[in-house]
PDB file of N, CA and C in Angstrom:
ATOM      1  N   MET A   1      39.524   7.931  -0.765  1.00  0.00           N
ATOM      2  CA  MET A   1      38.831   8.383  -0.353  1.00  0.00           C
ATOM      3  C   MET A   1      40.524   8.515   0.637  1.00  0.00           C
ATOM      4  N   PRO A   2      40.848   9.264   0.677  1.00  0.00           N
ATOM      5  CA  PRO A   2      42.311   9.431   1.923  1.00  0.00           C
ATOM      6  C   PRO A   2      41.762   8.379   2.870  1.00  0.00           C
ATOM      7  N   PRO A   3      43.208   8.366   3.818  1.00  0.00           N
ATOM      8  CA  PRO A   3      42.611   7.383   5.232  1.00  0.00           C
ATOM      9  C   PRO A   3      42.304   8.303   6.423  1.00  0.00           C
ATOM     10  N   GLU A   4      43.084   9.589   5.979  1.00  0.00           N
ATOM     11  CA  GLU A   4      42.442  10.209   7.347  1.00  0.00           C
ATOM     12  C   GLU A   4      40.878  10.497   7.363  1.00  0.00           C
ATOM     13  N   ILE A   5      40.255  11.131   6.304  1.00  0.00           N
ATOM     14  CA  ILE A   5      39.179  10.931   6.055  1.00  0.00           C
ATOM     15  C   ILE A   5      38.300   9.971   6.524  1.00  0.00           C
ATOM     16  N   GLU A   6      38.649   8.840   5.990  1.00  0.00           N
ATOM     17  CA  GLU A   6      37.949   7.616   7.088  1.00  0.00           C
ATOM     18  C   GLU A   6      37.899   7.337   7.936  1.00  0.00           C
ATOM     19  N   LYS A   7      39.117   7.811   8.853  1.00  0.00           N
ATOM     20  CA  LYS A   7      39.126   7.927  10.085  1.00  0.00           C
ATOM     21  C   LYS A   7      38.155   8.578  11.187  1.00  0.00           C
ATOM     22  N   ILE A   8      38.345   9.930  10.228  1.00  0.00           N
ATOM     23  CA  ILE A   8      36.870  11.041  10.713  1.00  0.00           C
ATOM     24  C   ILE A   8      35.754  10.868  10.257  1.00  0.00           C
ATOM     25  N   ARG A   9      35.178   9.968   9.455  1.00  0.00           N
ATOM     26  CA  ARG A   9      34.079   9.379   9.051  1.00  0.00           C
ATOM     27  C   ARG A   9      33.632   8.332  10.231  1.00  0.00           C
ATOM     28  N   GLU A  10      34.574   7.590  10.447  1.00  0.00           N
ATOM     29  CA  GLU A  10      34.255   6.720  11.589  1.00  0.00           C
ATOM     30  C   GLU A  10      33.955   7.286  12.927  1.00  0.00           C
ATOM     31  N   THR A  11      34.575   8.451  13.251  1.00  0.00           N
ATOM     32  CA  THR A  11      34.115   8.678  14.850  1.00  0.00           C
ATOM     33  C   THR A  11      32.988   9.894  14.867  1.00  0.00           C
ATOM     34  N   LEU A  12      31.998  10.095  13.519  1.00  0.00           N
ATOM     35  CA  LEU A  12      31.299  10.656  13.434  1.00  0.00           C
ATOM     36  C   LEU A  12      30.107  10.147  13.593  1.00  0.00           C
ATOM     37  N   PRO A  13      29.041  10.569  14.593  1.00  0.00           N
ATOM     38  CA  PRO A  13      27.618   9.746  14.854  1.00  0.00           C
ATOM     39  C   PRO A  13      27.084   9.270  13.968  1.00  0.00           C
ATOM     40  N   LYS A  14      26.451   7.919  14.034  1.00  0.00           N
ATOM     41  CA  LYS A  14      26.081   7.642  12.862  1.00  0.00           C
ATOM     42  C   LYS A  14      24.699   8.671  12.173  1.00  0.00           C
ATOM     43  N   ARG A  15      23.998   8.576  11.290  1.00  0.00           N
ATOM     44  CA  ARG A  15      23.150   9.585  11.333  1.00  0.00           C
ATOM     45  C   ARG A  15      21.809   8.610  11.200  1.00  0.00           C
ATOM     46  N   LYS A  16      20.440   8.968  11.663  1.00  0.00           N
ATOM     47  CA  LYS A  16      19.050   8.123  11.769  1.00  0.00           C
ATOM     48  C   LYS A  16      18.488   8.612  10.569  1.00  0.00           C
ATOM     49  N   GLU A  17      18.200   7.525   9.914  1.00  0.00           N
ATOM     50  CA  GLU A  17      17.401   7.360   8.736  1.00  0.00           C
ATOM     51  C   GLU A  17      16.031   7.908   8.780  1.00  0.00           C
ATOM     52  N   ASP A  18      16.148   8.957   8.040  1.00  0.00           N
ATOM     53  CA  ASP A  18      14.775   9.757   7.963  1.00  0.00           C
ATOM     54  C   ASP A  18      13.887   9.636   6.597  1.00  0.00           C
ATOM     55  N   PRO A  19      12.846   8.933   6.689  1.00  0.00           N
ATOM     56  CA  PRO A  19      11.892   8.637   5.670  1.00  0.00           C
ATOM     57  C   PRO A  19      11.266   9.588   4.324  1.00  0.00           C
ATOM     58  N   LYS A  20      12.092  11.019   4.954  1.00  0.00           N
ATOM     59  CA  LYS A  20      11.954  11.747   3.946  1.00  0.00           C
ATOM     60  C   LYS A  20      13.128  11.662   2.770  1.00  0.00           C
ATOM     61  N   ASP A  21      13.787  10.707   3.463  1.00  0.00           N
ATOM     62  CA  ASP A  21      15.347  10.587   2.425  1.00  0.00           C
ATOM     63  C   ASP A  21      14.710   9.606   1.195  1.00  0.00           C
ATOM     64  N   LYS A  22      13.577   9.039   1.892  1.00  0.00           N
ATOM     65  CA  LYS A  22      13.591   7.788   0.529  1.00  0.00           C
ATOM     66  C   LYS A  22      11.951   8.465  -0.389  1.00  0.00           C
ATOM     67  N   ILE A  23      12.603   9.685  -0.507  1.00  0.00           N
ATOM     68  CA  ILE A  23      11.086   9.992  -1.683  1.00  0.00           C
ATOM     69  C   ILE A  23      11.225   9.197  -2.738  1.00  0.00           C
ATOM     70  N   GLN A  24      10.226   9.054  -3.132  1.00  0.00           N
ATOM     71  CA  GLN A  24       9.916   8.343  -4.473  1.00  0.00           C
ATOM     72  C   GLN A  24       9.518   9.326  -5.506  1.00  0.00           C
ATOM     73  N   PRO A  25      10.507   9.111  -6.983  1.00  0.00           N
ATOM     74  CA  PRO A  25       9.830   9.843  -8.179  1.00  0.00           C
ATOM     75  C   PRO A  25       8.782   9.663  -8.115  1.00  0.00           C
ATOM     76  N   LYS A  26       8.182  10.899  -9.169  1.00  0.00           N
ATOM     77  CA  LYS A  26       6.983  10.841  -9.544  1.00  0.00           C
ATOM     78  C   LYS A  26       6.985   9.657 -10.581  1.00  0.00           C
ATOM     79  N   ALA A  27       5.701   9.472 -10.661  1.00  0.00           N
ATOM     80  CA  ALA A  27       5.666   8.769 -11.719  1.00  0.00           C
ATOM     81  C   ALA A  27       5.422   9.278 -12.990  1.00  0.00           C
ATOM     82  N   SER A  28       6.093   8.993 -14.318  1.00  0.00           N
ATOM     83  CA  SER A  28       5.968   9.491 -15.566  1.00  0.00           C
ATOM     84  C   SER A  28       4.844   8.943 -16.363  1.00  0.00           C
ATOM     85  N   PRO A  29       4.314   9.613 -17.236  1.00  0.00           N
ATOM     86  CA  PRO A  29       3.232   9.343 -18.056  1.00  0.00           C
ATOM     87  C   PRO A  29       3.266   7.909 -18.387  1.00  0.00           C
ATOM     88  N   ASP A  30       4.290   7.662 -18.543  1.00  0.00           N
ATOM     89  CA  ASP A  30       4.153   6.009 -18.994  1.00  0.00           C
ATOM     90  C   ASP A  30       3.764   5.460 -18.242  1.00  0.00           C
ATOM     91  N   ASP A  31       3.851   5.799 -17.028  1.00  0.00           N
ATOM     92  CA  ASP A  31       3.447   4.377 -15.790  1.00  0.00           C
ATOM     93  C   ASP A  31       1.419   4.848 -15.466  1.00  0.00           C
ATOM     94  N   MET A  32       1.378   5.331 -16.033  1.00  0.00           N
ATOM     95  CA  MET A  32      -0.024   5.387 -15.932  1.00  0.00           C
ATOM     96  C   MET A  32      -1.156   4.372 -16.257  1.00  0.00           C
ATOM     97  N   GLN A  33      -1.911   4.608 -15.890  1.00  0.00           N
ATOM     98  CA  GLN A  33      -3.352   3.118 -15.937  1.00  0.00           C
ATOM     99  C   GLN A  33      -4.086   4.114 -16.853  1.00  0.00           C
ATOM    100  N   TYR A  34      -4.596   3.142 -17.551  1.00  0.00           N
ATOM    101  CA  TYR A  34      -5.548   3.486 -18.595  1.00  0.00           C
ATOM    102  C   TYR A  34      -6.622   2.739 -18.374  1.00  0.00           C
ATOM    103  N   THR A  35      -7.850   3.232 -18.460  1.00  0.00           N
ATOM    104  CA  THR A  35      -9.053   2.537 -18.556  1.00  0.00           C
ATOM    105  C   THR A  35     -10.077   2.676 -19.783  1.00  0.00           C
ATOM    106  N   VAL A  36     -11.232   1.960 -20.350  1.00  0.00           N
ATOM    107  CA  VAL A  36     -12.190   2.663 -21.105  1.00  0.00           C
ATOM    108  C   VAL A  36     -13.652   2.808 -20.182  1.00  0.00           C
ATOM    109  N   GLN A  37     -13.942   3.944 -20.864  1.00  0.00           N
ATOM    110  CA  GLN A  37     -14.964   4.739 -20.068  1.00  0.00           C
ATOM    111  C   GLN A  37     -16.136   4.680 -20.993  1.00  0.00           C
ATOM    112  N   LEU A  38     -16.838   4.028 -20.532  1.00  0.00           N
ATOM    113  CA  LEU A  38     -18.510   3.406 -21.498  1.00  0.00           C
ATOM    114  C   LEU A  38     -19.791   4.738 -21.179  1.00  0.00           C
ATOM    115  N   ALA A  39     -19.589   5.014 -20.218  1.00  0.00           N
ATOM    116  CA  ALA A  39     -20.787   5.552 -19.942  1.00  0.00           C
ATOM    117  C   ALA A  39     -20.451   6.352 -18.413  1.00  0.00           C
ATOM    118  N   SER A  40     -21.495   7.398 -18.122  1.00  0.00           N
ATOM    119  CA  SER A  40     -21.574   8.570 -16.634  1.00  0.00           C
ATOM    120  C   SER A  40     -22.812   8.779 -16.424  1.00  0.00           C
ATOM    121  N   LEU A  41     -23.279   7.654 -15.811  1.00  0.00           N
ATOM    122  CA  LEU A  41     -24.617   8.162 -15.143  1.00  0.00           C
ATOM    123  C   LEU A  41     -24.993   8.645 -13.744  1.00  0.00           C
ATOM    124  N   GLY A  42     -25.814   9.215 -13.785  1.00  0.00           N
ATOM    125  CA  GLY A  42     -26.087  10.057 -12.245  1.00  0.00           C
ATOM    126  C   GLY A  42     -27.105   9.055 -11.567  1.00  0.00           C
ATOM    127  N   ASP A  43     -27.544   8.302 -11.994  1.00  0.00           N
ATOM    128  CA  ASP A  43     -28.287   6.979 -11.160  1.00  0.00           C
ATOM    129  C   ASP A  43     -27.658   5.499 -10.435  1.00  0.00           C
ATOM    130  N   LYS A  44     -27.413   5.455  -9.673  1.00  0.00           N
ATOM    131  CA  LYS A  44     -26.711   4.178  -9.090  1.00  0.00           C
ATOM    132  C   LYS A  44     -27.052   3.008  -9.955  1.00  0.00           C
ATOM    133  N   GLN A  45     -28.430   2.798  -9.424  1.00  0.00           N
ATOM    134  CA  GLN A  45     -29.174   1.353  -9.583  1.00  0.00           C
ATOM    135  C   GLN A  45     -28.658   1.298 -11.365  1.00  0.00           C
ATOM    136  N   LYS A  46     -28.821   2.203 -12.392  1.00  0.00           N
ATOM    137  CA  LYS A  46     -28.757   2.009 -13.872  1.00  0.00           C
ATOM    138  C   LYS A  46     -27.141   1.680 -14.214  1.00  0.00           C
ATOM    139  N   ALA A  47     -26.274   2.353 -13.192  1.00  0.00           N
ATOM    140  CA  ALA A  47     -25.201   1.783 -13.426  1.00  0.00           C
ATOM    141  C   ALA A  47     -24.579   0.753 -13.065  1.00  0.00           C
ATOM    142  N   GLU A  48     -25.240   0.163 -11.880  1.00  0.00           N
ATOM    143  CA  GLU A  48     -25.372  -1.087 -10.911  1.00  0.00           C
ATOM    144  C   GLU A  48     -25.487  -2.140 -12.389  1.00  0.00           C
ATOM    145  N   GLU A  49     -26.974  -1.525 -12.689  1.00  0.00           N
ATOM    146  CA  GLU A  49     -27.712  -2.863 -13.944  1.00  0.00           C
ATOM    147  C   GLU A  49     -26.824  -2.725 -15.260  1.00  0.00           C
ATOM    148  N   LEU A  50     -26.100  -1.523 -15.526  1.00  0.00           N
ATOM    149  CA  LEU A  50     -25.022  -1.922 -16.700  1.00  0.00           C
ATOM    150  C   LEU A  50     -24.087  -2.739 -16.542  1.00  0.00           C
ATOM    151  N   ILE A  51     -23.221  -2.422 -15.538  1.00  0.00           N
ATOM    152  CA  ILE A  51     -21.986  -3.027 -15.315  1.00  0.00           C
ATOM    153  C   ILE A  51     -22.354  -4.369 -14.880  1.00  0.00           C
ATOM    154  N   SER A  52     -23.490  -5.331 -14.285  1.00  0.00           N
ATOM    155  CA  SER A  52     -24.098  -6.196 -14.180  1.00  0.00           C
ATOM    156  C   SER A  52     -24.362  -7.125 -15.614  1.00  0.00           C
ATOM    157  N   ARG A  53     -24.969  -6.372 -16.164  1.00  0.00           N
ATOM    158  CA  ARG A  53     -25.008  -7.015 -17.890  1.00  0.00           C
ATOM    159  C   ARG A  53     -23.249  -7.200 -18.649  1.00  0.00           C
ATOM    160  N   LEU A  54     -22.596  -6.069 -18.310  1.00  0.00           N
ATOM    161  CA  LEU A  54     -21.412  -6.136 -18.756  1.00  0.00           C
ATOM    162  C   LEU A  54     -20.143  -7.902 -18.393  1.00  0.00           C
ATOM    163  N   ILE A  55     -20.770  -7.667 -17.313  1.00  0.00           N
ATOM    164  CA  ILE A  55     -19.780  -8.756 -16.625  1.00  0.00           C
ATOM    165  C   ILE A  55     -20.600 -10.256 -16.659  1.00  0.00           C
ATOM    166  N   ASP A  56     -21.622  -9.931 -17.084  1.00  0.00           N
ATOM    167  CA  ASP A  56     -22.332 -11.342 -17.199  1.00  0.00           C
ATOM    168  C   ASP A  56     -21.580 -11.607 -18.846  1.00  0.00           C
ATOM    169  N   LYS A  57     -21.801 -10.904 -19.643  1.00  0.00           N
ATOM    170  CA  LYS A  57     -20.881 -10.911 -20.638  1.00  0.00           C
ATOM    171  C   LYS A  57     -19.366 -11.026 -20.563  1.00  0.00           C
ATOM    172  N   GLY A  58     -19.142 -11.529 -19.473  1.00  0.00           N
ATOM    173  CA  GLY A  58     -17.520 -11.669 -19.425  1.00  0.00           C
ATOM    174  C   GLY A  58     -16.656 -10.749 -19.068  1.00  0.00           C
ATOM    175  N   TYR A  59     -16.960  -9.041 -19.360  1.00  0.00           N
ATOM    176  CA  TYR A  59     -16.124  -8.468 -19.664  1.00  0.00           C
ATOM    177  C   TYR A  59     -15.989  -7.345 -17.887  1.00  0.00           C
ATOM    178  N   PRO A  60     -14.790  -7.186 -17.902  1.00  0.00           N
ATOM    179  CA  PRO A  60     -14.164  -6.526 -16.231  1.00  0.00           C
ATOM    180  C   PRO A  60     -14.482  -5.422 -16.245  1.00  0.00           C
ATOM    181  N   ALA A  61     -15.823  -5.499 -15.764  1.00  0.00           N
ATOM    182  CA  ALA A  61     -16.419  -3.548 -15.939  1.00  0.00           C
ATOM    183  C   ALA A  61     -16.524  -3.277 -14.120  1.00  0.00           C
ATOM    184  N   TYR A  62     -16.724  -1.586 -14.057  1.00  0.00           N
ATOM    185  CA  TYR A  62     -16.686  -1.362 -12.718  1.00  0.00           C
ATOM    186  C   TYR A  62     -17.047   0.170 -12.762  1.00  0.00           C
ATOM    187  N   TYR A  63     -17.619   0.617 -11.739  1.00  0.00           N
ATOM    188  CA  TYR A  63     -17.889   2.185 -11.685  1.00  0.00           C
ATOM    189  C   TYR A  63     -16.780   2.745 -10.615  1.00  0.00           C
ATOM    190  N   TYR A  64     -16.642   4.191 -11.175  1.00  0.00           N
ATOM    191  CA  TYR A  64     -16.039   5.051 -10.596  1.00  0.00           C
ATOM    192  C   TYR A  64     -16.814   6.102 -10.310  1.00  0.00           C
ATOM    193  N   GLU A  65     -16.906   6.676  -8.444  1.00  0.00           N
ATOM    194  CA  GLU A  65     -18.094   7.702  -8.436  1.00  0.00           C
ATOM    195  C   GLU A  65     -17.435   8.921  -8.295  1.00  0.00           C
ATOM    196  N   VAL A  66     -17.718   9.888  -9.086  1.00  0.00           N
ATOM    197  CA  VAL A  66     -17.369  11.695  -8.825  1.00  0.00           C
ATOM    198  C   VAL A  66     -18.101  12.231  -8.783  1.00  0.00           C
ATOM    199  N   ASN A  67     -17.943  13.531  -8.086  1.00  0.00           N
ATOM    200  CA  ASN A  67     -18.568  14.661  -7.558  1.00  0.00           C
ATOM    201  C   ASN A  67     -18.667  15.755  -8.871  1.00  0.00           C
ATOM    202  N   VAL A  68     -19.054  16.268  -9.487  1.00  0.00           N
ATOM    203  CA  VAL A  68     -19.134  16.880 -10.456  1.00  0.00           C
ATOM    204  C   VAL A  68     -20.343  18.468  -9.750  1.00  0.00           C
ATOM    205  N   LYS A  69     -19.310  18.917  -9.384  1.00  0.00           N
ATOM    206  CA  LYS A  69     -20.187  20.663  -9.174  1.00  0.00           C
ATOM    207  C   LYS A  69     -21.225  20.075  -8.284  1.00  0.00           C
ATOM    208  N   GLY A  70     -21.350  19.161  -7.198  1.00  0.00           N
ATOM    209  CA  GLY A  70     -22.154  19.010  -6.142  1.00  0.00           C
ATOM    210  C   GLY A  70     -23.049  17.535  -6.586  1.00  0.00           C
ATOM    211  N   ARG A  71     -22.721  17.192  -7.826  1.00  0.00           N
ATOM    212  CA  ARG A  71     -23.635  15.791  -8.061  1.00  0.00           C
ATOM    213  C   ARG A  71     -23.392  14.717  -8.378  1.00  0.00           C
ATOM    214  N   ILE A  72     -23.207  13.454  -7.980  1.00  0.00           N
ATOM    215  CA  ILE A  72     -22.750  12.347  -8.012  1.00  0.00           C
ATOM    216  C   ILE A  72     -22.946  11.477  -9.306  1.00  0.00           C
ATOM    217  N   TYR A  73     -21.454  11.093  -9.893  1.00  0.00           N
ATOM    218  CA  TYR A  73     -22.162  10.878 -11.429  1.00  0.00           C
ATOM    219  C   TYR A  73     -21.460   9.149 -11.122  1.00  0.00           C
ATOM    220  N   TYR A  74     -21.727   8.349 -11.619  1.00  0.00           N
ATOM    221  CA  TYR A  74     -20.985   7.007 -11.459  1.00  0.00           C
ATOM    222  C   TYR A  74     -20.426   6.684 -13.258  1.00  0.00           C
ATOM    223  N   ARG A  75     -19.175   6.474 -13.519  1.00  0.00           N
ATOM    224  CA  ARG A  75     -18.473   6.391 -14.734  1.00  0.00           C
ATOM    225  C   ARG A  75     -18.203   5.122 -14.721  1.00  0.00           C
ATOM    226  N   ILE A  76     -18.946   4.331 -15.955  1.00  0.00           N
ATOM    227  CA  ILE A  76     -18.537   3.091 -15.883  1.00  0.00           C
ATOM    228  C   ILE A  76     -17.626   2.468 -16.952  1.00  0.00           C
ATOM    229  N   ARG A  77     -16.670   1.968 -16.667  1.00  0.00           N
ATOM    230  CA  ARG A  77     -15.307   1.362 -17.191  1.00  0.00           C
ATOM    231  C   ARG A  77     -14.924   0.015 -16.983  1.00  0.00           C
ATOM    232  N   CYS A  78     -14.552  -0.084 -17.922  1.00  0.00           N
ATOM    233  CA  CYS A  78     -13.995  -1.285 -17.875  1.00  0.00           C
ATOM    234  C   CYS A  78     -12.557  -1.588 -18.392  1.00  0.00           C
ATOM    235  N   GLY A  79     -11.880  -2.271 -17.954  1.00  0.00           N
ATOM    236  CA  GLY A  79     -10.691  -2.924 -17.902  1.00  0.00           C
ATOM    237  C   GLY A  79      -9.415  -1.945 -17.344  1.00  0.00           C
ATOM    238  N   ARG A  80      -8.297  -2.537 -17.511  1.00  0.00           N
ATOM    239  CA  ARG A  80      -6.975  -1.338 -16.694  1.00  0.00           C
ATOM    240  C   ARG A  80      -5.997  -2.255 -17.211  1.00  0.00           C
ATOM    241  N   PHE A  81      -5.086  -0.853 -17.999  1.00  0.00           N
ATOM    242  CA  PHE A  81      -4.100  -0.735 -19.169  1.00  0.00           C
ATOM    243  C   PHE A  81      -2.913  -0.255 -18.733  1.00  0.00           C
ATOM    244  N   LEU A  82      -1.912  -0.724 -19.026  1.00  0.00           N
ATOM    245  CA  LEU A  82      -0.729   0.224 -18.461  1.00  0.00           C
ATOM    246  C   LEU A  82      -0.220   0.983 -19.689  1.00  0.00           C
ATOM    247  N   GLU A  83      -0.736   0.863 -21.184  1.00  0.00           N
ATOM    248  CA  GLU A  83      -0.737   1.506 -22.054  1.00  0.00           C
ATOM    249  C   GLU A  83      -1.642   2.096 -23.027  1.00  0.00           C
ATOM    250  N   ARG A  84      -2.018   3.216 -22.634  1.00  0.00           N
ATOM    251  CA  ARG A  84      -3.042   3.679 -23.695  1.00  0.00           C
ATOM    252  C   ARG A  84      -3.342   3.516 -25.041  1.00  0.00           C
ATOM    253  N   GLY A  85      -2.494   2.543 -26.054  1.00  0.00           N
ATOM    254  CA  GLY A  85      -2.528   1.629 -27.138  1.00  0.00           C
ATOM    255  C   GLY A  85      -2.995   0.405 -26.425  1.00  0.00           C
ATOM    256  N   GLU A  86      -3.048  -0.082 -25.881  1.00  0.00           N
ATOM    257  CA  GLU A  86      -3.613  -1.268 -25.428  1.00  0.00           C
ATOM    258  C   GLU A  86      -5.197  -1.036 -24.901  1.00  0.00           C
ATOM    259  N   ALA A  87      -5.644   0.119 -24.315  1.00  0.00           N
ATOM    260  CA  ALA A  87      -7.177   0.848 -23.861  1.00  0.00           C
ATOM    261  C   ALA A  87      -7.768   0.972 -25.205  1.00  0.00           C
ATOM    262  N   GLU A  88      -6.841   1.580 -26.108  1.00  0.00           N
ATOM    263  CA  GLU A  88      -7.864   1.982 -27.502  1.00  0.00           C
ATOM    264  C   GLU A  88      -8.089   0.524 -28.142  1.00  0.00           C
ATOM    265  N   ILE A  89      -7.513  -0.337 -28.253  1.00  0.00           N
ATOM    266  CA  ILE A  89      -7.729  -1.998 -29.197  1.00  0.00           C
ATOM    267  C   ILE A  89      -8.911  -2.255 -28.390  1.00  0.00           C
ATOM    268  N   TYR A  90      -8.670  -2.398 -27.174  1.00  0.00           N
ATOM    269  CA  TYR A  90      -9.624  -3.120 -26.276  1.00  0.00           C
ATOM    270  C   TYR A  90     -11.602  -2.357 -25.907  1.00  0.00           C
ATOM    271  N   GLY A  91     -11.204  -0.954 -26.562  1.00  0.00           N
ATOM    272  CA  GLY A  91     -12.334   0.066 -26.767  1.00  0.00           C
ATOM    273  C   GLY A  91     -13.089  -0.657 -28.025  1.00  0.00           C
ATOM    274  N   ARG A  92     -12.026  -0.628 -29.073  1.00  0.00           N
ATOM    275  CA  ARG A  92     -12.531  -1.331 -30.445  1.00  0.00           C
ATOM    276  C   ARG A  92     -12.868  -2.698 -30.256  1.00  0.00           C
ATOM    277  N   LYS A  93     -12.504  -3.343 -29.333  1.00  0.00           N
ATOM    278  CA  LYS A  93     -13.275  -4.763 -29.431  1.00  0.00           C
ATOM    279  C   LYS A  93     -14.433  -4.594 -28.309  1.00  0.00           C
ATOM    280  N   LEU A  94     -14.630  -3.876 -27.819  1.00  0.00           N
ATOM    281  CA  LEU A  94     -16.104  -3.338 -26.712  1.00  0.00           C
ATOM    282  C   LEU A  94     -17.004  -2.689 -27.473  1.00  0.00           C
ATOM    283  N   GLN A  95     -16.394  -1.749 -28.612  1.00  0.00           N
ATOM    284  CA  GLN A  95     -17.628  -1.545 -29.369  1.00  0.00           C
ATOM    285  C   GLN A  95     -18.048  -2.387 -31.013  1.00  0.00           C
ATOM    286  N   LYS A  96     -17.027  -3.276 -30.961  1.00  0.00           N
ATOM    287  CA  LYS A  96     -17.485  -4.274 -32.162  1.00  0.00           C
ATOM    288  C   LYS A  96     -18.277  -5.114 -31.523  1.00  0.00           C
ATOM    289  N   GLU A  97     -17.881  -5.838 -30.153  1.00  0.00           N
ATOM    290  CA  GLU A  97     -18.701  -7.314 -29.924  1.00  0.00           C
ATOM    291  C   GLU A  97     -20.097  -6.555 -28.638  1.00  0.00           C
ATOM    292  N   ALA A  98     -19.826  -5.770 -28.005  1.00  0.00           N
ATOM    293  CA  ALA A  98     -21.010  -5.177 -26.716  1.00  0.00           C
ATOM    294  C   ALA A  98     -21.634  -3.961 -27.561  1.00  0.00           C
ATOM    295  N   GLY A  99     -21.246  -3.649 -28.729  1.00  0.00           N
ATOM    296  CA  GLY A  99     -22.084  -2.323 -29.380  1.00  0.00           C
ATOM    297  C   GLY A  99     -22.117  -0.762 -28.391  1.00  0.00           C
ATOM    298  N   ILE A 100     -20.840  -1.005 -27.597  1.00  0.00           N
ATOM    299  CA  ILE A 100     -20.915   0.159 -26.767  1.00  0.00           C
ATOM    300  C   ILE A 100     -19.726   1.222 -26.780  1.00  0.00           C
ATOM    301  N   LYS A 101     -19.975   1.731 -27.416  1.00  0.00           N
ATOM    302  CA  LYS A 101     -18.917   3.240 -27.888  1.00  0.00           C
ATOM    303  C   LYS A 101     -18.529   3.621 -26.664  1.00  0.00           C
ATOM    304  N   GLY A 102     -17.178   3.770 -26.321  1.00  0.00           N
ATOM    305  CA  GLY A 102     -16.374   4.248 -25.087  1.00  0.00           C
ATOM    306  C   GLY A 102     -14.984   4.883 -25.500  1.00  0.00           C
ATOM    307  N   PHE A 103     -14.817   5.927 -24.601  1.00  0.00           N
ATOM    308  CA  PHE A 103     -13.095   6.511 -24.871  1.00  0.00           C
ATOM    309  C   PHE A 103     -12.374   6.118 -23.883  1.00  0.00           C
ATOM    310  N   VAL A 104     -11.385   6.273 -23.973  1.00  0.00           N
ATOM    311  CA  VAL A 104     -10.042   5.826 -23.204  1.00  0.00           C
ATOM    312  C   VAL A 104      -9.525   7.005 -22.649  1.00  0.00           C
ATOM    313  N   SER A 105      -9.555   6.759 -21.206  1.00  0.00           N
ATOM    314  CA  SER A 105      -9.379   7.398 -19.819  1.00  0.00           C
ATOM    315  C   SER A 105      -8.005   7.167 -19.102  1.00  0.00           C
ATOM    316  N   ARG A 106      -7.747   8.101 -18.298  1.00  0.00           N
ATOM    317  CA  ARG A 106      -6.723   7.722 -16.971  1.00  0.00           C
ATOM    318  C   ARG A 106      -7.417   7.426 -16.030  1.00  0.00           C
ATOM    319  N   ILE A 107      -6.504   6.701 -15.499  1.00  0.00           N
ATOM    320  CA  ILE A 107      -7.611   6.034 -14.025  1.00  0.00           C
ATOM    321  C   ILE A 107      -6.853   7.237 -12.943  1.00  0.00           C
ATOM    322  N   GLU A 108      -7.646   7.696 -11.930  1.00  0.00           N
ATOM    323  CA  GLU A 108      -7.024   8.651 -11.161  1.00  0.00           C
ATOM    324  C   GLU A 108      -6.532   7.577 -10.318  1.00  0.00           C
TER     325      GLU A 108
END
């Protein structure tokens, strides 16, 4: 850069940093996390009982509450994975060991 332009730049007031300038890029599909969904129950107590049984067997189970057309459901899920393939392998393991068939779902 020519020296004249550098001198002009030095005399300009410094611009305050705006938080909007630090916009983070949106996550790519590869950054999504996945889980294995085992059930979706309308009864919270039954959902908690199933989770308790799975945790007692050593599985990292939890539920995710959703509202579908005004009704609350408790989606029973197990594990968190960065790659869909890892979740698919874990789902097959759950089916073989615990006898529960699930499907891979993105974590919201």
